[in-house]
Amino acid sequence: MRPLRLSWWRLRARRLASRAALCRVLQRASLGVCLVGGGLAHAGDCRVAFDMGSSGIRAGASNSAATARADIDYLSPQWSGRGVRDTLVPTIAALNALPRQAAFASECARVGGGFSAWRFALAHEPVALVSMLAEIHTASGVAVLVIPPLQEGAYGYVAARQLLGDRLQTSHVLDIGGGSLQIAGASTSFVDTLGQKVWYRQLCELAGAPADEACHLQPMLPASLALAREALAKRLAGVRAALPEGATMTAISRPVTRGVLPALTRLDGNPAPQLSQARIRAAIDHLSALSVEASAALAGIAPEHAAYLLSDLLLLDGLLQATGGDAIQVAEIDLTNLPGLLADDRAYAWERHYACYLARLGERGLAAYASDPETCAP
């Protein structure tokens, strides 16, 4: 049985029918008054949103089924020491080009949601980031907000619930991106900067690999596996406090749906869209003794993708250990933060008070988002 594949935009009718229930999710997450029935807060309004992740930007609009995407690596420049400003020019170019490509109305309010890579920049280069966001706004008209982790979790659950509907049989969805992972539920979430690329880089650091050199994790000795599991357990120590007892997960992102699941199906012959802890650990034991090239041949995937397979398996094993679960369900969907961001009235209120937001971002950091835009000076 193949993992479920659905497109958010193809399910626009389902999204509108279920919007009232999803609004309650956003309201519980303090995301403002939600939009019901497909309309906006004021007749004639429209919104354009930009989901700005660690690997690029995706654009969508409230009055269009079209999307457009630009690939931009936001993590490597920061890791290499070049800084977030290294991405300024391609970011402005993308924010101007994507709405034209998708033929979005020019009068729509434009908001960008900056997620893991942007939170990383705020933590390490706050002054440079605030200055860069001001330049982006001047050059593109897009108000880019740095979205706190819990809001990102709420966005993820909204999108997954809209796409999967009754097929979502677990309490939470697991989304592993390049820079962050989120375990998102209706009212509880766990989000951490522990995405596929970040976790792989941390394993390289544990192995003593220089930051400026290519890193090869395999073969991995038992002592190194134990060290990796210990480090991961520390990073995920907050999961049980953040999530309710008995939380279950459906993995919906490509590192699992296009990487781990088909690889394990080829290894063990089991086509079920479910990853038990026993199945994951058997694969770890098998692959850890092999080179990346041997793993790629055995799993039937390209070596550049096989390089992440062992680290992805370790991450999934650690997540099951942290939640106390015994299996992860798998359902592939085209998940973006666009549905939640487009429905977020607070975000679009900040678009109207963006200078105030930038001032608060410099003073309060991530807490700026949750403050009240209406308390800004006229």
Protein backbone atom coordinates (compact mmCIF):
# COMPACT_ATOMS: atom_id res chain seq x y z
CA MET A 1 0.00 0.00 0.00
CA ARG A 2 1.49 3.34 -1.05
CA PRO A 3 1.52 6.33 1.29
CA LEU A 4 -1.40 8.68 0.73
CA ARG A 5 -0.61 11.58 -1.60
CA LEU A 6 -2.86 14.59 -1.67
CA SER A 7 -2.56 18.20 -2.85
CA TRP A 8 -3.83 20.98 -0.61
CA TRP A 9 -4.88 23.08 -3.56
CA ARG A 10 -6.87 20.26 -5.14
CA LEU A 11 -8.87 19.98 -1.95
CA ARG A 12 -9.99 23.59 -1.86
CA ALA A 13 -13.65 22.63 -1.46
CA ARG A 14 -12.85 20.36 1.47
CA ARG A 15 -10.79 23.14 3.01
CA LEU A 16 -13.68 25.58 2.91
CA ALA A 17 -16.15 23.05 4.29
CA SER A 18 -13.92 22.30 7.27
CA ARG A 19 -12.73 25.85 7.86
CA ALA A 20 -14.92 26.49 10.92
CA ALA A 21 -13.38 23.57 12.80
CA LEU A 22 -9.89 24.59 11.76
CA CYS A 23 -10.50 28.13 12.91
CA ARG A 24 -10.94 26.79 16.41
CA VAL A 25 -7.44 25.31 16.18
CA LEU A 26 -6.00 28.69 15.23
CA GLN A 27 -7.92 30.46 17.96
CA ARG A 28 -6.61 28.02 20.58
CA ALA A 29 -3.13 28.87 19.34
CA SER A 30 -3.86 32.60 19.78
CA LEU A 31 -3.58 33.30 16.08
CA GLY A 32 -6.40 35.81 16.00
CA VAL A 33 -9.87 35.76 14.50
CA CYS A 34 -10.00 33.09 11.84
CA LEU A 35 -11.55 33.41 8.42
CA VAL A 36 -14.73 31.41 7.81
CA GLY A 37 -16.44 30.42 4.58
CA GLY A 38 -13.51 31.35 2.37
CA GLY A 39 -14.11 35.09 2.81
CA LEU A 40 -11.81 37.61 4.40
CA ALA A 41 -12.40 39.94 7.28
CA HIS A 42 -13.52 42.75 4.97
CA ALA A 43 -15.25 42.42 1.63
CA GLY A 44 -12.85 42.86 -1.26
CA ASP A 45 -9.73 42.07 0.77
CA CYS A 46 -7.23 39.53 -0.48
CA ARG A 47 -4.05 38.12 0.95
CA VAL A 48 -0.80 36.77 -0.44
CA ALA A 49 1.38 34.65 1.84
CA PHE A 50 4.97 33.46 1.52
CA ASP A 51 6.05 30.31 3.34
CA MET A 52 9.76 31.00 3.88
CA GLY A 53 11.45 27.79 4.99
CA SER A 54 15.06 26.73 5.22
CA SER A 55 15.18 25.60 1.58
CA GLY A 56 13.13 28.23 -0.21
CA ILE A 57 9.94 30.24 -0.56
CA ARG A 58 6.47 29.12 -1.59
CA ALA A 59 3.78 31.68 -2.40
CA GLY A 60 0.00 31.33 -2.27
CA ALA A 61 -3.03 33.62 -2.19
CA SER A 62 -6.44 33.64 -0.55
CA ASN A 63 -8.24 34.10 -3.86
CA SER A 64 -6.22 31.77 -6.08
CA ALA A 65 -5.49 28.04 -6.31
CA ALA A 66 -2.07 28.72 -7.84
CA THR A 67 1.25 28.46 -6.04
CA ALA A 68 4.80 29.36 -7.03
CA ARG A 69 8.12 28.34 -5.53
CA ALA A 70 11.74 29.50 -5.48
CA ASP A 71 14.61 27.42 -4.08
CA ILE A 72 16.93 29.34 -1.75
CA ASP A 73 19.30 27.78 0.79
CA TYR A 74 18.91 29.86 3.96
CA LEU A 75 20.95 27.65 6.30
CA SER A 76 24.30 27.17 4.55
CA PRO A 77 25.22 30.89 4.45
CA GLN A 78 24.56 31.15 8.18
CA TRP A 79 26.45 27.98 9.04
CA SER A 80 29.43 29.05 6.92
CA GLY A 81 29.67 32.43 8.66
CA ARG A 82 28.63 34.50 5.65
CA GLY A 83 25.47 35.48 7.48
CA VAL A 84 21.82 35.85 6.62
CA ARG A 85 22.44 38.95 4.45
CA ASP A 86 24.01 36.65 1.89
CA THR A 87 20.44 35.68 0.94
CA LEU A 88 19.08 39.24 0.62
CA VAL A 89 19.27 39.61 -3.17
CA PRO A 90 17.69 36.25 -4.10
CA THR A 91 15.01 36.73 -1.44
CA ILE A 92 13.92 40.11 -2.81
CA ALA A 93 14.00 38.74 -6.34
CA ALA A 94 11.81 35.78 -5.38
CA LEU A 95 9.29 37.84 -3.42
CA ASN A 96 8.83 40.11 -6.43
CA ALA A 97 8.80 37.35 -9.05
CA LEU A 98 6.61 34.66 -7.46
CA PRO A 99 3.35 36.69 -7.37
CA ARG A 100 3.84 37.58 -11.03
CA GLN A 101 4.46 33.95 -11.95
CA ALA A 102 1.25 32.90 -10.19
CA ALA A 103 -0.70 35.93 -11.49
CA PHE A 104 -1.72 37.08 -8.01
CA ALA A 105 -3.57 40.38 -7.71
CA SER A 106 -1.16 43.25 -7.10
CA GLU A 107 -3.37 44.95 -4.50
CA CYS A 108 -3.33 42.01 -2.04
CA ALA A 109 -1.69 42.43 1.37
CA ARG A 110 1.60 40.50 1.40
CA VAL A 111 3.02 38.70 4.44
CA GLY A 112 5.95 36.33 4.69
CA GLY A 113 6.29 33.77 7.44
CA GLY A 114 9.93 33.20 8.37
CA PHE A 115 10.44 29.88 10.12
CA SER A 116 13.43 27.87 11.38
CA ALA A 117 16.23 29.53 9.38
CA TRP A 118 14.84 32.96 10.23
CA ARG A 119 14.60 32.10 13.93
CA PHE A 120 18.23 30.96 13.71
CA ALA A 121 19.18 34.32 12.20
CA LEU A 122 17.26 36.19 14.90
CA ALA A 123 19.10 34.26 17.60
CA HIS A 124 22.55 34.84 16.09
CA GLU A 125 22.29 38.11 14.11
CA PRO A 126 19.33 40.09 15.50
CA VAL A 127 20.50 43.54 14.40
CA ALA A 128 21.45 42.38 10.91
CA LEU A 129 18.16 40.53 10.52
CA VAL A 130 15.97 43.48 11.50
CA SER A 131 17.86 45.68 9.05
CA MET A 132 17.50 43.06 6.32
CA LEU A 133 13.76 42.69 6.89
CA ALA A 134 13.34 46.45 6.53
CA GLU A 135 15.20 46.34 3.21
CA ILE A 136 13.08 43.41 2.02
CA HIS A 137 9.90 45.32 2.83
CA THR A 138 11.08 48.43 1.01
CA ALA A 139 12.12 46.47 -2.08
CA SER A 140 9.22 44.02 -2.30
CA GLY A 141 6.32 45.28 -0.18
CA VAL A 142 6.34 42.01 1.78
CA ALA A 143 6.16 42.17 5.57
CA VAL A 144 8.27 39.21 6.70
CA LEU A 145 7.50 38.05 10.25
CA VAL A 146 9.64 35.68 12.31
CA ILE A 147 7.08 33.08 13.38
CA PRO A 148 7.44 31.48 16.86
CA PRO A 149 7.68 27.67 17.00
CA LEU A 150 4.25 27.05 18.54
CA GLN A 151 2.55 29.11 15.83
CA GLU A 152 4.42 27.09 13.22
CA GLY A 153 3.10 23.93 14.86
CA ALA A 154 -0.46 25.24 14.68
CA TYR A 155 -0.03 26.10 10.99
CA GLY A 156 1.22 22.58 10.30
CA TYR A 157 -1.69 20.89 12.04
CA VAL A 158 -4.21 23.12 10.24
CA ALA A 159 -2.79 22.18 6.84
CA ALA A 160 -2.52 18.47 7.61
CA ARG A 161 -6.03 18.28 9.03
CA GLN A 162 -7.43 20.01 5.95
CA LEU A 163 -5.65 17.60 3.63
CA LEU A 164 -6.17 14.32 5.44
CA GLY A 165 -9.57 14.85 7.05
CA ASP A 166 -10.84 11.59 8.57
CA ARG A 167 -7.76 9.78 7.31
CA LEU A 168 -5.75 11.43 10.07
CA GLN A 169 -6.08 8.83 12.81
CA THR A 170 -3.28 10.05 15.09
CA SER A 171 -3.27 12.89 17.59
CA HIS A 172 -0.33 14.69 15.96
CA VAL A 173 1.45 15.10 12.63
CA LEU A 174 5.22 14.88 12.30
CA ASP A 175 6.82 17.23 9.79
CA ILE A 176 10.59 16.96 9.37
CA GLY A 177 11.94 19.85 7.33
CA GLY A 178 15.49 20.77 6.50
CA GLY A 179 15.94 23.12 9.45
CA SER A 180 13.28 22.14 11.96
CA LEU A 181 10.89 19.41 12.95
CA GLN A 182 7.44 19.85 14.37
CA ILE A 183 5.07 17.48 16.11
CA ALA A 184 1.81 19.37 15.76
CA GLY A 185 -1.60 18.66 17.27
CA ALA A 186 -4.90 20.45 17.73
CA SER A 187 -3.82 22.15 20.95
CA THR A 188 -0.27 20.96 21.71
CA SER A 189 2.92 21.06 19.67
CA PHE A 190 6.65 20.47 19.93
CA VAL A 191 8.93 22.34 17.53
CA ASP A 192 12.72 22.31 17.53
CA THR A 193 15.57 23.26 15.24
CA LEU A 194 16.28 19.62 14.52
CA GLY A 195 15.39 19.13 10.89
CA GLN A 196 17.07 16.69 8.54
CA LYS A 197 20.02 18.91 7.59
CA VAL A 198 20.54 20.26 11.12
CA TRP A 199 20.49 16.81 12.74
CA TYR A 200 22.90 15.45 10.12
CA ARG A 201 25.25 18.36 10.78
CA GLN A 202 25.10 17.73 14.52
CA LEU A 203 26.00 14.09 13.97
CA CYS A 204 28.98 15.22 11.90
CA GLU A 205 30.06 17.47 14.76
CA LEU A 206 29.74 14.57 17.20
CA ALA A 207 31.97 12.55 14.88
CA GLY A 208 34.56 15.34 14.95
CA ALA A 209 34.24 16.25 11.29
CA PRO A 210 35.48 19.78 10.41
CA ALA A 211 32.61 22.12 9.57
CA ASP A 212 34.11 23.06 6.21
CA GLU A 213 34.66 19.50 4.98
CA ALA A 214 32.35 16.84 3.58
CA CYS A 215 31.09 14.50 6.28
CA HIS A 216 30.46 10.78 5.93
CA LEU A 217 28.68 9.14 8.86
CA GLN A 218 28.85 5.58 7.62
CA PRO A 219 29.96 3.06 8.60
CA MET A 220 28.99 4.02 12.17
CA LEU A 221 30.41 2.03 15.06
CA PRO A 222 28.19 0.90 17.98
CA ALA A 223 29.89 3.43 20.26
CA SER A 224 29.06 6.23 17.83
CA LEU A 225 25.46 5.06 17.59
CA ALA A 226 25.18 5.15 21.37
CA LEU A 227 26.64 8.66 21.45
CA ALA A 228 24.19 9.83 18.79
CA ARG A 229 21.22 8.37 20.67
CA GLU A 230 22.36 10.00 23.90
CA ALA A 231 22.71 13.41 22.25
CA LEU A 232 19.30 13.07 20.59
CA ALA A 233 17.61 12.06 23.85
CA LYS A 234 18.88 15.28 25.42
CA ARG A 235 17.58 17.39 22.52
CA LEU A 236 14.16 15.72 22.72
CA ALA A 237 13.89 15.80 26.49
CA GLY A 238 11.09 18.37 26.31
CA VAL A 239 8.79 16.28 24.12
CA ARG A 240 6.94 14.49 26.91
CA ALA A 241 6.29 17.74 28.75
CA ALA A 242 5.02 19.43 25.58
CA LEU A 243 2.74 16.62 24.37
CA PRO A 244 -0.01 14.68 26.15
CA GLU A 245 0.58 11.14 27.30
CA GLY A 246 -0.13 8.66 24.54
CA ALA A 247 0.49 11.11 21.70
CA THR A 248 0.66 9.37 18.32
CA MET A 249 2.18 10.61 15.07
CA THR A 250 1.61 10.56 11.32
CA ALA A 251 4.75 11.49 9.37
CA ILE A 252 3.89 13.55 6.31
CA SER A 253 7.15 14.98 4.92
CA ARG A 254 9.47 13.74 2.19
CA PRO A 255 12.41 12.59 4.35
CA VAL A 256 10.02 9.88 5.56
CA THR A 257 7.55 9.41 2.69
CA ARG A 258 10.13 9.49 -0.14
CA GLY A 259 13.20 8.42 1.86
CA VAL A 260 12.77 6.17 4.89
CA LEU A 261 9.55 4.35 3.97
CA PRO A 262 10.47 3.22 0.43
CA ALA A 263 13.99 2.33 1.61
CA LEU A 264 12.65 0.13 4.39
CA THR A 265 10.08 -1.41 2.06
CA ARG A 266 12.92 -2.46 -0.22
CA LEU A 267 15.00 -3.71 2.71
CA ASP A 268 12.36 -5.77 4.49
CA GLY A 269 9.68 -6.28 1.84
CA ASN A 270 6.96 -4.74 4.02
CA PRO A 271 4.84 -2.23 2.03
CA ALA A 272 2.73 -1.08 5.00
CA PRO A 273 2.70 2.73 5.49
CA GLN A 274 3.74 2.31 9.11
CA LEU A 275 7.15 2.45 10.76
CA SER A 276 7.36 0.41 13.94
CA GLN A 277 10.24 0.97 16.32
CA ALA A 278 11.36 -2.63 15.78
CA ARG A 279 11.42 -2.07 12.02
CA ILE A 280 13.37 1.18 12.36
CA ARG A 281 15.94 -0.35 14.70
CA ALA A 282 16.46 -3.38 12.48
CA ALA A 283 17.26 -1.01 9.60
CA ILE A 284 19.65 0.99 11.79
CA ASP A 285 21.51 -2.17 12.78
CA HIS A 286 21.75 -3.22 9.14
CA LEU A 287 22.75 0.08 7.56
CA SER A 288 25.11 1.38 10.23
CA ALA A 289 27.70 -1.24 9.26
CA LEU A 290 27.60 -0.24 5.58
CA SER A 291 29.03 2.61 3.54
CA VAL A 292 26.70 5.21 2.07
CA GLU A 293 27.26 3.74 -1.39
CA ALA A 294 26.33 0.25 -0.22
CA SER A 295 23.27 1.61 1.58
CA ALA A 296 22.18 3.44 -1.56
CA ALA A 297 22.45 0.30 -3.67
CA LEU A 298 20.59 -1.80 -1.11
CA ALA A 299 17.80 0.74 -0.55
CA GLY A 300 17.50 1.67 -4.22
CA ILE A 301 18.01 5.41 -3.74
CA ALA A 302 20.56 7.94 -4.97
CA PRO A 303 23.73 8.28 -2.84
CA GLU A 304 23.04 11.97 -2.13
CA HIS A 305 19.73 10.95 -0.53
CA ALA A 306 21.11 7.79 1.06
CA ALA A 307 23.56 9.94 3.02
CA TYR A 308 20.64 11.09 5.19
CA LEU A 309 18.98 7.68 5.59
CA LEU A 310 20.77 6.53 8.74
CA SER A 311 20.46 9.91 10.46
CA ASP A 312 16.75 10.05 9.56
CA LEU A 313 16.23 6.58 11.04
CA LEU A 314 18.01 7.60 14.24
CA LEU A 315 15.80 10.69 14.45
CA LEU A 316 12.60 8.66 14.06
CA ASP A 317 13.78 6.13 16.64
CA GLY A 318 14.55 8.96 19.05
CA LEU A 319 11.13 10.53 18.50
CA LEU A 320 9.36 7.25 19.29
CA GLN A 321 11.51 6.89 22.38
CA ALA A 322 10.67 10.44 23.45
CA THR A 323 6.92 10.05 22.96
CA GLY A 324 6.71 6.52 24.32
CA GLY A 325 5.15 5.35 21.06
CA ASP A 326 5.71 2.11 19.21
CA ALA A 327 5.00 3.16 15.60
CA ILE A 328 4.72 6.14 13.25
CA GLN A 329 2.04 6.22 10.55
CA VAL A 330 3.00 7.58 7.11
CA ALA A 331 0.86 9.67 4.74
CA GLU A 332 2.42 11.84 2.05
CA ILE A 333 0.83 15.25 1.57
CA ASP A 334 1.98 18.51 0.06
CA LEU A 335 2.20 20.31 3.39
CA THR A 336 2.95 24.01 3.55
CA ASN A 337 2.39 26.72 6.12
CA LEU A 338 0.33 28.71 3.60
CA PRO A 339 -3.18 27.74 4.84
CA GLY A 340 -2.43 28.71 8.43
CA LEU A 341 -0.59 31.87 7.47
CA LEU A 342 -3.34 33.04 5.11
CA ALA A 343 -5.89 32.54 7.91
CA ASP A 344 -3.80 34.37 10.52
CA ASP A 345 -5.37 37.78 11.19
CA ARG A 346 -2.60 38.72 13.61
CA ALA A 347 0.01 38.33 10.88
CA TYR A 348 -1.90 40.62 8.53
CA ALA A 349 -2.47 43.14 11.32
CA TRP A 350 1.32 43.30 11.62
CA GLU A 351 1.51 43.98 7.88
CA ARG A 352 -0.38 47.23 8.59
CA HIS A 353 1.98 48.10 11.48
CA TYR A 354 5.22 46.72 10.11
CA ALA A 355 7.58 49.45 11.32
CA CYS A 356 6.25 48.86 14.82
CA TYR A 357 6.75 45.11 14.41
CA LEU A 358 10.39 45.57 13.40
CA ALA A 359 11.00 47.82 16.39
CA ARG A 360 9.49 45.24 18.72
CA LEU A 361 11.39 42.43 17.01
CA GLY A 362 14.62 44.23 17.81
CA GLU A 363 13.54 44.79 21.42
CA ARG A 364 11.61 41.62 22.26
CA GLY A 365 12.79 39.01 19.78
CA LEU A 366 10.29 36.25 18.99
CA ALA A 367 7.83 37.65 21.55
CA ALA A 368 7.16 40.57 19.18
CA TYR A 369 4.76 38.43 17.15
CA ALA A 370 2.44 37.69 20.08
CA SER A 371 2.20 41.33 21.18
CA ASP A 372 -0.81 43.41 20.15
CA PRO A 373 -0.42 45.31 16.86
CA GLU A 374 -3.23 47.66 17.85
CA THR A 375 -1.11 49.06 20.70
CA CYS A 376 1.38 50.49 18.20
CA ALA A 377 1.50 54.26 17.93
CA PRO A 378 -0.50 55.66 14.97
